[in-house]
Amino acid sequence: MSTGTALAVDPHVVTCTLAPRYEAVRTARDFARTALQRWGLGELFDDVALVASELVTNALRHAIGACPTTADDHDFPTQPTPEGRLPIRISLVHRAPQVVCAVSDPSSLGPVAREADFVAESGRGLHLVDSFSRSWGWHPLGGGKVVWALFEAEESLLRPAPVAEFGGRHRRSA
């Protein structure tokens, strides 16, 4: 459940403010699916959704602390506060041939990848982000930070489908 979705003036930049509860992860995936389909990049959904899920989960877990079940359980901003504290937001930016998934949160502490422990129930999120995106990083913001991941759309996704020549001859790509 989001607290509000906004389509920016630029149709290739979309942002969604997320409520501080576990359902925000599903909202982030749904938001990513809608944006990628609108841009004709549905093939990127699995990778972007996995990374978005990890980044939003980390924001909820580390920036907010224990995840509240309702917005009333935690003093969590849905708009920047006078002190500059930020809400959790997911943004997707499409600049062909790339898509950036960025999650901002109110914590100024940067993400730290832990040594992979494949027996532990948590701690592998940033390894997944690194594996499923071309690159990732983070930047401090006034009153918080943004963690981003870059994805490359395959060149075949960006070209229009071949049009059959007059006379019905066409070549199917493999």
N, C-alpha and C. Protein backbone atom coordinates (compact mmCIF):
# COMPACT_ATOMS: atom_id res chain seq x y z
N MET A 1 0.85 -1.17 0.00
CA MET A 1 0.00 0.00 0.00
C MET A 1 0.89 1.23 0.00
N SER A 2 0.76 2.04 -0.98
CA SER A 2 1.58 3.25 -1.05
C SER A 2 0.83 4.41 -0.42
N THR A 3 1.60 5.43 -0.06
CA THR A 3 0.97 6.63 0.44
C THR A 3 0.71 7.60 -0.69
N GLY A 4 1.24 7.31 -1.87
CA GLY A 4 0.98 8.14 -3.02
C GLY A 4 1.96 7.85 -4.14
N THR A 5 1.46 7.79 -5.33
CA THR A 5 2.29 7.58 -6.50
C THR A 5 2.18 8.83 -7.35
N ALA A 6 3.31 9.29 -7.84
CA ALA A 6 3.30 10.49 -8.66
C ALA A 6 4.01 10.21 -9.97
N LEU A 7 3.43 10.64 -11.06
CA LEU A 7 4.08 10.59 -12.35
C LEU A 7 4.66 11.97 -12.59
N ALA A 8 5.97 12.03 -12.74
CA ALA A 8 6.64 13.31 -12.93
C ALA A 8 6.31 13.86 -14.31
N VAL A 9 6.70 15.11 -14.55
CA VAL A 9 6.49 15.73 -15.85
C VAL A 9 7.17 14.91 -16.94
N ASP A 10 8.32 14.36 -16.64
CA ASP A 10 9.04 13.49 -17.56
C ASP A 10 8.46 12.08 -17.42
N PRO A 11 7.86 11.52 -18.48
CA PRO A 11 7.25 10.19 -18.36
C PRO A 11 8.27 9.08 -18.15
N HIS A 12 9.55 9.39 -18.22
CA HIS A 12 10.58 8.38 -18.01
C HIS A 12 11.19 8.47 -16.61
N VAL A 13 10.54 9.22 -15.73
CA VAL A 13 10.96 9.32 -14.33
C VAL A 13 9.69 9.19 -13.50
N VAL A 14 9.59 8.11 -12.73
CA VAL A 14 8.41 7.88 -11.89
C VAL A 14 8.85 7.59 -10.46
N THR A 15 8.03 8.01 -9.50
CA THR A 15 8.36 7.88 -8.09
C THR A 15 7.13 7.45 -7.31
N CYS A 16 7.35 6.65 -6.30
CA CYS A 16 6.28 6.20 -5.42
C CYS A 16 6.75 6.30 -3.97
N THR A 17 5.97 6.97 -3.12
CA THR A 17 6.25 7.03 -1.69
C THR A 17 5.63 5.80 -1.05
N LEU A 18 6.42 5.13 -0.22
CA LEU A 18 5.98 3.85 0.36
C LEU A 18 5.63 4.00 1.83
N ALA A 19 4.59 3.29 2.23
CA ALA A 19 4.19 3.26 3.64
C ALA A 19 5.19 2.41 4.42
N PRO A 20 5.42 2.71 5.69
CA PRO A 20 6.42 1.99 6.49
C PRO A 20 5.89 0.66 7.04
N ARG A 21 5.60 -0.26 6.15
CA ARG A 21 5.15 -1.59 6.57
C ARG A 21 5.57 -2.59 5.53
N TYR A 22 5.50 -3.86 5.90
CA TYR A 22 5.99 -4.93 5.03
C TYR A 22 5.35 -4.92 3.64
N GLU A 23 4.11 -4.48 3.53
CA GLU A 23 3.42 -4.44 2.25
C GLU A 23 4.10 -3.51 1.26
N ALA A 24 4.98 -2.64 1.75
CA ALA A 24 5.69 -1.71 0.87
C ALA A 24 6.55 -2.45 -0.15
N VAL A 25 7.03 -3.61 0.20
CA VAL A 25 7.86 -4.39 -0.73
C VAL A 25 7.02 -4.83 -1.92
N ARG A 26 5.83 -5.30 -1.66
CA ARG A 26 4.92 -5.69 -2.75
C ARG A 26 4.53 -4.46 -3.58
N THR A 27 4.26 -3.36 -2.91
CA THR A 27 3.92 -2.13 -3.63
C THR A 27 5.06 -1.72 -4.56
N ALA A 28 6.29 -1.84 -4.09
CA ALA A 28 7.45 -1.48 -4.92
C ALA A 28 7.54 -2.38 -6.16
N ARG A 29 7.28 -3.67 -5.99
CA ARG A 29 7.30 -4.59 -7.14
C ARG A 29 6.18 -4.26 -8.12
N ASP A 30 4.99 -4.01 -7.62
CA ASP A 30 3.87 -3.64 -8.49
C ASP A 30 4.15 -2.34 -9.24
N PHE A 31 4.72 -1.38 -8.54
CA PHE A 31 5.09 -0.11 -9.14
C PHE A 31 6.11 -0.32 -10.26
N ALA A 32 7.12 -1.16 -10.01
CA ALA A 32 8.14 -1.46 -11.02
C ALA A 32 7.52 -2.13 -12.24
N ARG A 33 6.62 -3.09 -12.00
CA ARG A 33 5.97 -3.79 -13.11
C ARG A 33 5.21 -2.79 -14.01
N THR A 34 4.44 -1.92 -13.39
CA THR A 34 3.65 -0.95 -14.15
C THR A 34 4.56 -0.03 -14.98
N ALA A 35 5.60 0.50 -14.35
CA ALA A 35 6.50 1.42 -15.06
C ALA A 35 7.22 0.72 -16.20
N LEU A 36 7.76 -0.46 -15.95
CA LEU A 36 8.51 -1.17 -16.99
C LEU A 36 7.60 -1.57 -18.15
N GLN A 37 6.38 -2.00 -17.85
CA GLN A 37 5.45 -2.34 -18.93
C GLN A 37 5.10 -1.10 -19.74
N ARG A 38 4.90 0.02 -19.08
CA ARG A 38 4.58 1.27 -19.78
C ARG A 38 5.72 1.65 -20.73
N TRP A 39 6.95 1.38 -20.33
CA TRP A 39 8.11 1.71 -21.15
C TRP A 39 8.45 0.62 -22.17
N GLY A 40 7.68 -0.47 -22.17
CA GLY A 40 7.97 -1.57 -23.08
C GLY A 40 9.18 -2.39 -22.67
N LEU A 41 9.48 -2.39 -21.38
CA LEU A 41 10.65 -3.09 -20.86
C LEU A 41 10.27 -4.18 -19.85
N GLY A 42 9.15 -4.82 -20.08
CA GLY A 42 8.68 -5.85 -19.17
C GLY A 42 9.67 -6.97 -18.94
N GLU A 43 10.58 -7.20 -19.91
CA GLU A 43 11.58 -8.26 -19.78
C GLU A 43 12.57 -7.99 -18.64
N LEU A 44 12.68 -6.74 -18.22
CA LEU A 44 13.58 -6.40 -17.10
C LEU A 44 12.93 -6.62 -15.74
N PHE A 45 11.64 -6.93 -15.73
CA PHE A 45 10.90 -6.94 -14.47
C PHE A 45 11.50 -7.86 -13.42
N ASP A 46 11.84 -9.08 -13.74
CA ASP A 46 12.32 -10.01 -12.72
C ASP A 46 13.54 -9.45 -11.98
N ASP A 47 14.52 -8.94 -12.73
CA ASP A 47 15.72 -8.41 -12.10
C ASP A 47 15.43 -7.14 -11.31
N VAL A 48 14.68 -6.23 -11.91
CA VAL A 48 14.37 -4.97 -11.22
C VAL A 48 13.52 -5.23 -9.98
N ALA A 49 12.56 -6.14 -10.08
CA ALA A 49 11.70 -6.44 -8.92
C ALA A 49 12.49 -7.03 -7.77
N LEU A 50 13.42 -7.93 -8.09
CA LEU A 50 14.23 -8.53 -7.03
C LEU A 50 15.07 -7.46 -6.34
N VAL A 51 15.72 -6.60 -7.12
CA VAL A 51 16.56 -5.55 -6.55
C VAL A 51 15.70 -4.54 -5.78
N ALA A 52 14.58 -4.13 -6.33
CA ALA A 52 13.69 -3.20 -5.64
C ALA A 52 13.24 -3.79 -4.30
N SER A 53 12.90 -5.07 -4.30
CA SER A 53 12.48 -5.74 -3.06
C SER A 53 13.58 -5.69 -2.01
N GLU A 54 14.81 -5.97 -2.42
CA GLU A 54 15.93 -5.94 -1.48
C GLU A 54 16.19 -4.54 -0.95
N LEU A 55 16.18 -3.54 -1.85
CA LEU A 55 16.46 -2.17 -1.41
C LEU A 55 15.38 -1.63 -0.48
N VAL A 56 14.12 -1.93 -0.78
CA VAL A 56 13.03 -1.47 0.09
C VAL A 56 13.07 -2.21 1.42
N THR A 57 13.34 -3.51 1.39
CA THR A 57 13.47 -4.27 2.64
C THR A 57 14.58 -3.70 3.50
N ASN A 58 15.73 -3.40 2.89
CA ASN A 58 16.83 -2.80 3.65
C ASN A 58 16.44 -1.45 4.23
N ALA A 59 15.73 -0.64 3.45
CA ALA A 59 15.30 0.67 3.95
C ALA A 59 14.37 0.49 5.14
N LEU A 60 13.43 -0.44 5.05
CA LEU A 60 12.52 -0.68 6.17
C LEU A 60 13.26 -1.21 7.39
N ARG A 61 14.16 -2.16 7.16
CA ARG A 61 14.85 -2.82 8.27
C ARG A 61 15.88 -1.92 8.93
N HIS A 62 16.67 -1.24 8.15
CA HIS A 62 17.81 -0.51 8.71
C HIS A 62 17.55 0.98 8.90
N ALA A 63 16.79 1.59 8.03
CA ALA A 63 16.54 3.03 8.15
C ALA A 63 15.45 3.33 9.16
N ILE A 64 14.50 2.45 9.26
CA ILE A 64 13.37 2.68 10.14
C ILE A 64 13.51 1.88 11.43
N GLY A 65 14.23 0.80 11.39
CA GLY A 65 14.32 -0.10 12.54
C GLY A 65 13.34 -1.22 12.34
N ALA A 66 12.81 -1.73 13.41
CA ALA A 66 11.82 -2.81 13.31
C ALA A 66 10.64 -2.31 12.51
N CYS A 67 10.22 -3.08 11.54
CA CYS A 67 9.14 -2.66 10.66
C CYS A 67 7.82 -2.59 11.41
N PRO A 68 7.20 -1.45 11.46
CA PRO A 68 5.88 -1.34 12.09
C PRO A 68 4.83 -1.99 11.20
N THR A 69 3.72 -2.35 11.77
CA THR A 69 2.66 -2.97 10.98
C THR A 69 1.69 -1.93 10.44
N THR A 70 1.63 -0.76 11.06
CA THR A 70 0.80 0.32 10.55
C THR A 70 1.60 1.61 10.61
N ALA A 71 1.19 2.57 9.82
CA ALA A 71 1.90 3.85 9.80
C ALA A 71 1.84 4.54 11.15
N ASP A 72 0.81 4.27 11.94
CA ASP A 72 0.66 4.92 13.23
C ASP A 72 1.62 4.36 14.28
N ASP A 73 2.22 3.19 14.00
CA ASP A 73 3.10 2.57 14.98
C ASP A 73 4.49 3.21 15.02
N HIS A 74 4.79 4.08 14.11
CA HIS A 74 6.13 4.65 14.03
C HIS A 74 6.05 6.09 13.54
N ASP A 75 6.90 6.92 14.06
CA ASP A 75 6.96 8.31 13.60
C ASP A 75 7.70 8.34 12.27
N PHE A 76 7.00 8.10 11.21
CA PHE A 76 7.60 7.95 9.89
C PHE A 76 7.04 8.99 8.94
N PRO A 77 7.91 9.77 8.30
CA PRO A 77 7.40 10.81 7.42
C PRO A 77 6.93 10.27 6.08
N THR A 78 5.87 10.84 5.56
CA THR A 78 5.44 10.55 4.20
C THR A 78 5.78 11.72 3.29
N GLN A 79 6.21 12.82 3.87
CA GLN A 79 6.73 14.00 3.16
C GLN A 79 7.97 14.43 3.94
N PRO A 80 8.91 15.14 3.29
CA PRO A 80 10.07 15.62 4.06
C PRO A 80 9.60 16.47 5.24
N THR A 81 10.19 16.23 6.40
CA THR A 81 9.84 16.99 7.60
C THR A 81 10.62 18.31 7.60
N PRO A 82 10.25 19.25 8.47
CA PRO A 82 11.02 20.51 8.58
C PRO A 82 12.50 20.25 8.90
N GLU A 83 12.78 19.14 9.59
CA GLU A 83 14.17 18.78 9.91
C GLU A 83 14.87 18.13 8.72
N GLY A 84 14.14 17.89 7.63
CA GLY A 84 14.73 17.31 6.44
C GLY A 84 14.68 15.79 6.38
N ARG A 85 14.01 15.16 7.34
CA ARG A 85 13.90 13.70 7.35
C ARG A 85 13.02 13.26 6.18
N LEU A 86 13.49 12.26 5.44
CA LEU A 86 12.81 11.83 4.22
C LEU A 86 12.00 10.56 4.43
N PRO A 87 10.94 10.37 3.64
CA PRO A 87 10.22 9.10 3.64
C PRO A 87 10.98 8.09 2.78
N ILE A 88 10.50 6.85 2.77
CA ILE A 88 11.04 5.87 1.83
C ILE A 88 10.33 6.08 0.50
N ARG A 89 11.12 6.21 -0.55
CA ARG A 89 10.58 6.37 -1.89
C ARG A 89 11.34 5.47 -2.84
N ILE A 90 10.62 4.95 -3.82
CA ILE A 90 11.26 4.24 -4.91
C ILE A 90 11.06 5.07 -6.17
N SER A 91 12.12 5.19 -6.94
CA SER A 91 12.06 5.92 -8.20
C SER A 91 12.65 5.03 -9.29
N LEU A 92 12.07 5.11 -10.46
CA LEU A 92 12.61 4.43 -11.64
C LEU A 92 12.84 5.49 -12.71
N VAL A 93 14.00 5.43 -13.33
CA VAL A 93 14.37 6.37 -14.37
C VAL A 93 14.78 5.57 -15.59
N HIS A 94 14.17 5.88 -16.73
CA HIS A 94 14.51 5.20 -17.98
C HIS A 94 15.18 6.18 -18.92
N ARG A 95 16.43 5.96 -19.16
CA ARG A 95 17.20 6.69 -20.16
C ARG A 95 17.85 5.63 -21.03
N ALA A 96 17.25 5.37 -22.19
CA ALA A 96 17.68 4.27 -23.05
C ALA A 96 19.19 4.33 -23.25
N PRO A 97 19.86 3.21 -23.13
CA PRO A 97 19.34 1.86 -22.92
C PRO A 97 19.34 1.44 -21.45
N GLN A 98 19.32 2.39 -20.52
CA GLN A 98 19.45 2.05 -19.11
C GLN A 98 18.20 2.38 -18.31
N VAL A 99 18.05 1.64 -17.22
CA VAL A 99 17.01 1.90 -16.22
C VAL A 99 17.71 1.95 -14.87
N VAL A 100 17.39 2.96 -14.08
CA VAL A 100 17.92 3.07 -12.73
C VAL A 100 16.77 2.89 -11.76
N CYS A 101 16.98 2.03 -10.78
CA CYS A 101 16.04 1.85 -9.67
C CYS A 101 16.71 2.48 -8.45
N ALA A 102 16.06 3.46 -7.84
CA ALA A 102 16.64 4.15 -6.68
C ALA A 102 15.65 4.15 -5.52
N VAL A 103 16.15 3.84 -4.34
CA VAL A 103 15.31 3.85 -3.13
C VAL A 103 15.95 4.82 -2.15
N SER A 104 15.18 5.83 -1.75
CA SER A 104 15.67 6.80 -0.76
C SER A 104 15.00 6.52 0.57
N ASP A 105 15.73 6.81 1.65
CA ASP A 105 15.21 6.58 3.00
C ASP A 105 15.80 7.61 3.95
N PRO A 106 15.27 7.69 5.19
CA PRO A 106 15.69 8.73 6.11
C PRO A 106 17.02 8.50 6.82
N SER A 107 17.67 7.36 6.63
CA SER A 107 18.93 7.10 7.32
C SER A 107 20.10 7.64 6.51
N SER A 108 21.08 8.21 7.19
CA SER A 108 22.27 8.69 6.50
C SER A 108 23.37 7.63 6.47
N LEU A 109 23.15 6.49 7.12
CA LEU A 109 24.13 5.42 7.12
C LEU A 109 24.07 4.64 5.82
N GLY A 110 25.22 4.48 5.19
CA GLY A 110 25.28 3.77 3.92
C GLY A 110 25.16 2.27 4.08
N PRO A 111 24.74 1.58 3.03
CA PRO A 111 24.64 0.12 3.09
C PRO A 111 26.02 -0.52 3.14
N VAL A 112 26.12 -1.62 3.85
CA VAL A 112 27.38 -2.35 3.97
C VAL A 112 27.11 -3.81 3.62
N ALA A 113 27.79 -4.29 2.58
CA ALA A 113 27.65 -5.70 2.21
C ALA A 113 28.42 -6.54 3.22
N ARG A 114 27.74 -7.51 3.78
CA ARG A 114 28.37 -8.41 4.74
C ARG A 114 28.97 -9.60 4.01
N GLU A 115 29.86 -10.29 4.69
CA GLU A 115 30.39 -11.53 4.14
C GLU A 115 29.22 -12.47 3.92
N ALA A 116 29.16 -13.07 2.75
CA ALA A 116 28.04 -13.95 2.43
C ALA A 116 28.03 -15.16 3.35
N ASP A 117 26.93 -15.34 4.05
CA ASP A 117 26.72 -16.50 4.91
C ASP A 117 25.48 -17.20 4.36
N PHE A 118 25.70 -18.26 3.62
CA PHE A 118 24.60 -18.88 2.89
C PHE A 118 23.72 -19.75 3.78
N VAL A 119 24.03 -19.81 5.07
CA VAL A 119 23.19 -20.54 6.01
C VAL A 119 22.25 -19.56 6.72
N ALA A 120 22.68 -18.31 6.88
CA ALA A 120 21.88 -17.31 7.58
C ALA A 120 20.61 -16.99 6.80
N GLU A 121 19.57 -16.56 7.53
CA GLU A 121 18.30 -16.21 6.90
C GLU A 121 18.32 -14.83 6.27
N SER A 122 19.29 -13.99 6.60
CA SER A 122 19.37 -12.66 6.02
C SER A 122 20.84 -12.31 5.80
N GLY A 123 21.06 -11.16 5.17
CA GLY A 123 22.43 -10.70 4.98
C GLY A 123 22.96 -10.87 3.57
N ARG A 124 22.14 -11.37 2.65
CA ARG A 124 22.61 -11.56 1.27
C ARG A 124 22.02 -10.55 0.30
N GLY A 125 21.23 -9.61 0.78
CA GLY A 125 20.52 -8.68 -0.08
C GLY A 125 21.40 -7.88 -1.01
N LEU A 126 22.48 -7.30 -0.49
CA LEU A 126 23.35 -6.50 -1.34
C LEU A 126 24.13 -7.36 -2.33
N HIS A 127 24.38 -8.62 -1.98
CA HIS A 127 25.00 -9.54 -2.93
C HIS A 127 24.05 -9.81 -4.09
N LEU A 128 22.76 -9.92 -3.80
CA LEU A 128 21.77 -10.10 -4.86
C LEU A 128 21.67 -8.84 -5.72
N VAL A 129 21.67 -7.67 -5.09
CA VAL A 129 21.64 -6.41 -5.83
C VAL A 129 22.84 -6.35 -6.78
N ASP A 130 24.00 -6.72 -6.28
CA ASP A 130 25.21 -6.70 -7.10
C ASP A 130 25.14 -7.71 -8.25
N SER A 131 24.54 -8.85 -7.99
CA SER A 131 24.46 -9.90 -9.01
C SER A 131 23.45 -9.61 -10.11
N PHE A 132 22.35 -8.95 -9.78
CA PHE A 132 21.26 -8.77 -10.73
C PHE A 132 21.24 -7.40 -11.41
N SER A 133 22.12 -6.50 -11.00
CA SER A 133 22.20 -5.19 -11.66
C SER A 133 23.58 -5.05 -12.28
N ARG A 134 23.69 -4.10 -13.20
CA ARG A 134 25.00 -3.86 -13.82
C ARG A 134 25.96 -3.23 -12.82
N SER A 135 25.45 -2.29 -12.03
CA SER A 135 26.22 -1.67 -10.96
C SER A 135 25.25 -1.08 -9.95
N TRP A 136 25.76 -0.76 -8.78
CA TRP A 136 24.93 -0.15 -7.75
C TRP A 136 25.81 0.73 -6.87
N GLY A 137 25.16 1.58 -6.10
CA GLY A 137 25.88 2.43 -5.18
C GLY A 137 24.92 3.22 -4.33
N TRP A 138 25.44 4.19 -3.61
CA TRP A 138 24.59 5.02 -2.76
C TRP A 138 25.20 6.41 -2.64
N HIS A 139 24.35 7.36 -2.32
CA HIS A 139 24.77 8.74 -2.12
C HIS A 139 24.01 9.31 -0.93
N PRO A 140 24.70 10.08 -0.09
CA PRO A 140 23.98 10.75 1.00
C PRO A 140 23.12 11.88 0.45
N LEU A 141 22.02 12.11 1.11
CA LEU A 141 21.11 13.21 0.80
C LEU A 141 20.92 14.00 2.08
N GLY A 142 20.48 15.21 1.99
CA GLY A 142 20.14 15.96 3.20
C GLY A 142 19.04 15.21 3.94
N GLY A 143 19.32 14.69 5.11
CA GLY A 143 18.31 13.98 5.89
C GLY A 143 18.11 12.54 5.49
N GLY A 144 19.03 11.94 4.76
CA GLY A 144 18.88 10.54 4.38
C GLY A 144 19.89 10.13 3.34
N LYS A 145 19.52 9.13 2.54
CA LYS A 145 20.39 8.63 1.49
C LYS A 145 19.54 8.06 0.38
N VAL A 146 20.19 7.79 -0.75
CA VAL A 146 19.57 7.07 -1.85
C VAL A 146 20.50 5.93 -2.25
N VAL A 147 19.93 4.76 -2.41
CA VAL A 147 20.67 3.59 -2.89
C VAL A 147 20.11 3.29 -4.27
N TRP A 148 20.99 3.11 -5.25
CA TRP A 148 20.55 2.95 -6.63
C TRP A 148 21.18 1.71 -7.26
N ALA A 149 20.51 1.22 -8.28
CA ALA A 149 21.02 0.09 -9.07
C ALA A 149 20.73 0.39 -10.53
N LEU A 150 21.70 0.09 -11.38
CA LEU A 150 21.61 0.36 -12.80
C LEU A 150 21.39 -0.94 -13.56
N PHE A 151 20.46 -0.89 -14.51
CA PHE A 151 20.15 -2.04 -15.36
C PHE A 151 20.31 -1.64 -16.81
N GLU A 152 20.79 -2.57 -17.62
CA GLU A 152 20.92 -2.35 -19.06
C GLU A 152 19.79 -3.11 -19.74
N ALA A 153 19.05 -2.40 -20.59
CA ALA A 153 18.05 -3.07 -21.42
C ALA A 153 18.81 -3.68 -22.59
N GLU A 154 18.47 -4.89 -22.94
CA GLU A 154 19.12 -5.52 -24.08
C GLU A 154 18.82 -4.71 -25.33
N GLU A 155 19.80 -4.67 -26.21
CA GLU A 155 19.64 -3.88 -27.43
C GLU A 155 18.41 -4.32 -28.22
N SER A 156 18.10 -5.60 -28.19
CA SER A 156 16.95 -6.10 -28.95
C SER A 156 15.64 -5.55 -28.40
N LEU A 157 15.63 -5.16 -27.11
CA LEU A 157 14.42 -4.60 -26.52
C LEU A 157 14.17 -3.18 -27.00
N LEU A 158 15.23 -2.51 -27.45
CA LEU A 158 15.13 -1.10 -27.80
C LEU A 158 14.85 -0.87 -29.27
N ARG A 159 15.05 -1.89 -30.10
CA ARG A 159 14.81 -1.75 -31.54
C ARG A 159 13.37 -2.13 -31.85
N PRO A 160 12.75 -1.42 -32.78
CA PRO A 160 11.40 -1.84 -33.18
C PRO A 160 11.47 -3.19 -33.87
N ALA A 161 10.39 -3.92 -33.76
CA ALA A 161 10.33 -5.24 -34.40
C ALA A 161 10.44 -5.06 -35.91
N PRO A 162 11.10 -6.01 -36.60
CA PRO A 162 11.23 -5.89 -38.05
C PRO A 162 9.86 -5.93 -38.72
N VAL A 163 9.71 -5.13 -39.76
CA VAL A 163 8.47 -5.06 -40.50
C VAL A 163 8.63 -5.90 -41.76
N ALA A 164 7.63 -6.68 -42.06
CA ALA A 164 7.70 -7.53 -43.25
C ALA A 164 7.77 -6.67 -44.50
N GLU A 165 8.60 -7.10 -45.45
CA GLU A 165 8.73 -6.39 -46.72
C GLU A 165 7.47 -6.60 -47.54
N PHE A 166 7.23 -5.69 -48.46
CA PHE A 166 6.10 -5.83 -49.36
C PHE A 166 6.24 -7.15 -50.10
N GLY A 167 5.21 -7.90 -50.22
CA GLY A 167 5.26 -9.20 -50.87
C GLY A 167 5.25 -10.34 -49.87
N GLY A 168 5.25 -10.02 -48.57
CA GLY A 168 5.09 -11.05 -47.55
C GLY A 168 6.37 -11.71 -47.09
N ARG A 169 7.53 -11.36 -47.63
CA ARG A 169 8.77 -11.98 -47.19
C ARG A 169 9.24 -11.32 -45.90
N HIS A 170 9.62 -12.12 -44.96
CA HIS A 170 10.19 -11.59 -43.74
C HIS A 170 11.14 -12.62 -43.13
N ARG A 171 12.00 -12.15 -42.30
CA ARG A 171 12.99 -13.01 -41.65
C ARG A 171 12.69 -13.00 -40.15
N ARG A 172 12.61 -14.14 -39.57
CA ARG A 172 12.38 -14.26 -38.14
C ARG A 172 13.71 -14.29 -37.42
N SER A 173 13.86 -13.50 -36.36
CA SER A 173 15.11 -13.54 -35.62
C SER A 173 15.13 -14.72 -34.69
N ALA A 174 16.31 -15.24 -34.43
CA ALA A 174 16.45 -16.42 -33.58
C ALA A 174 16.28 -16.09 -32.14
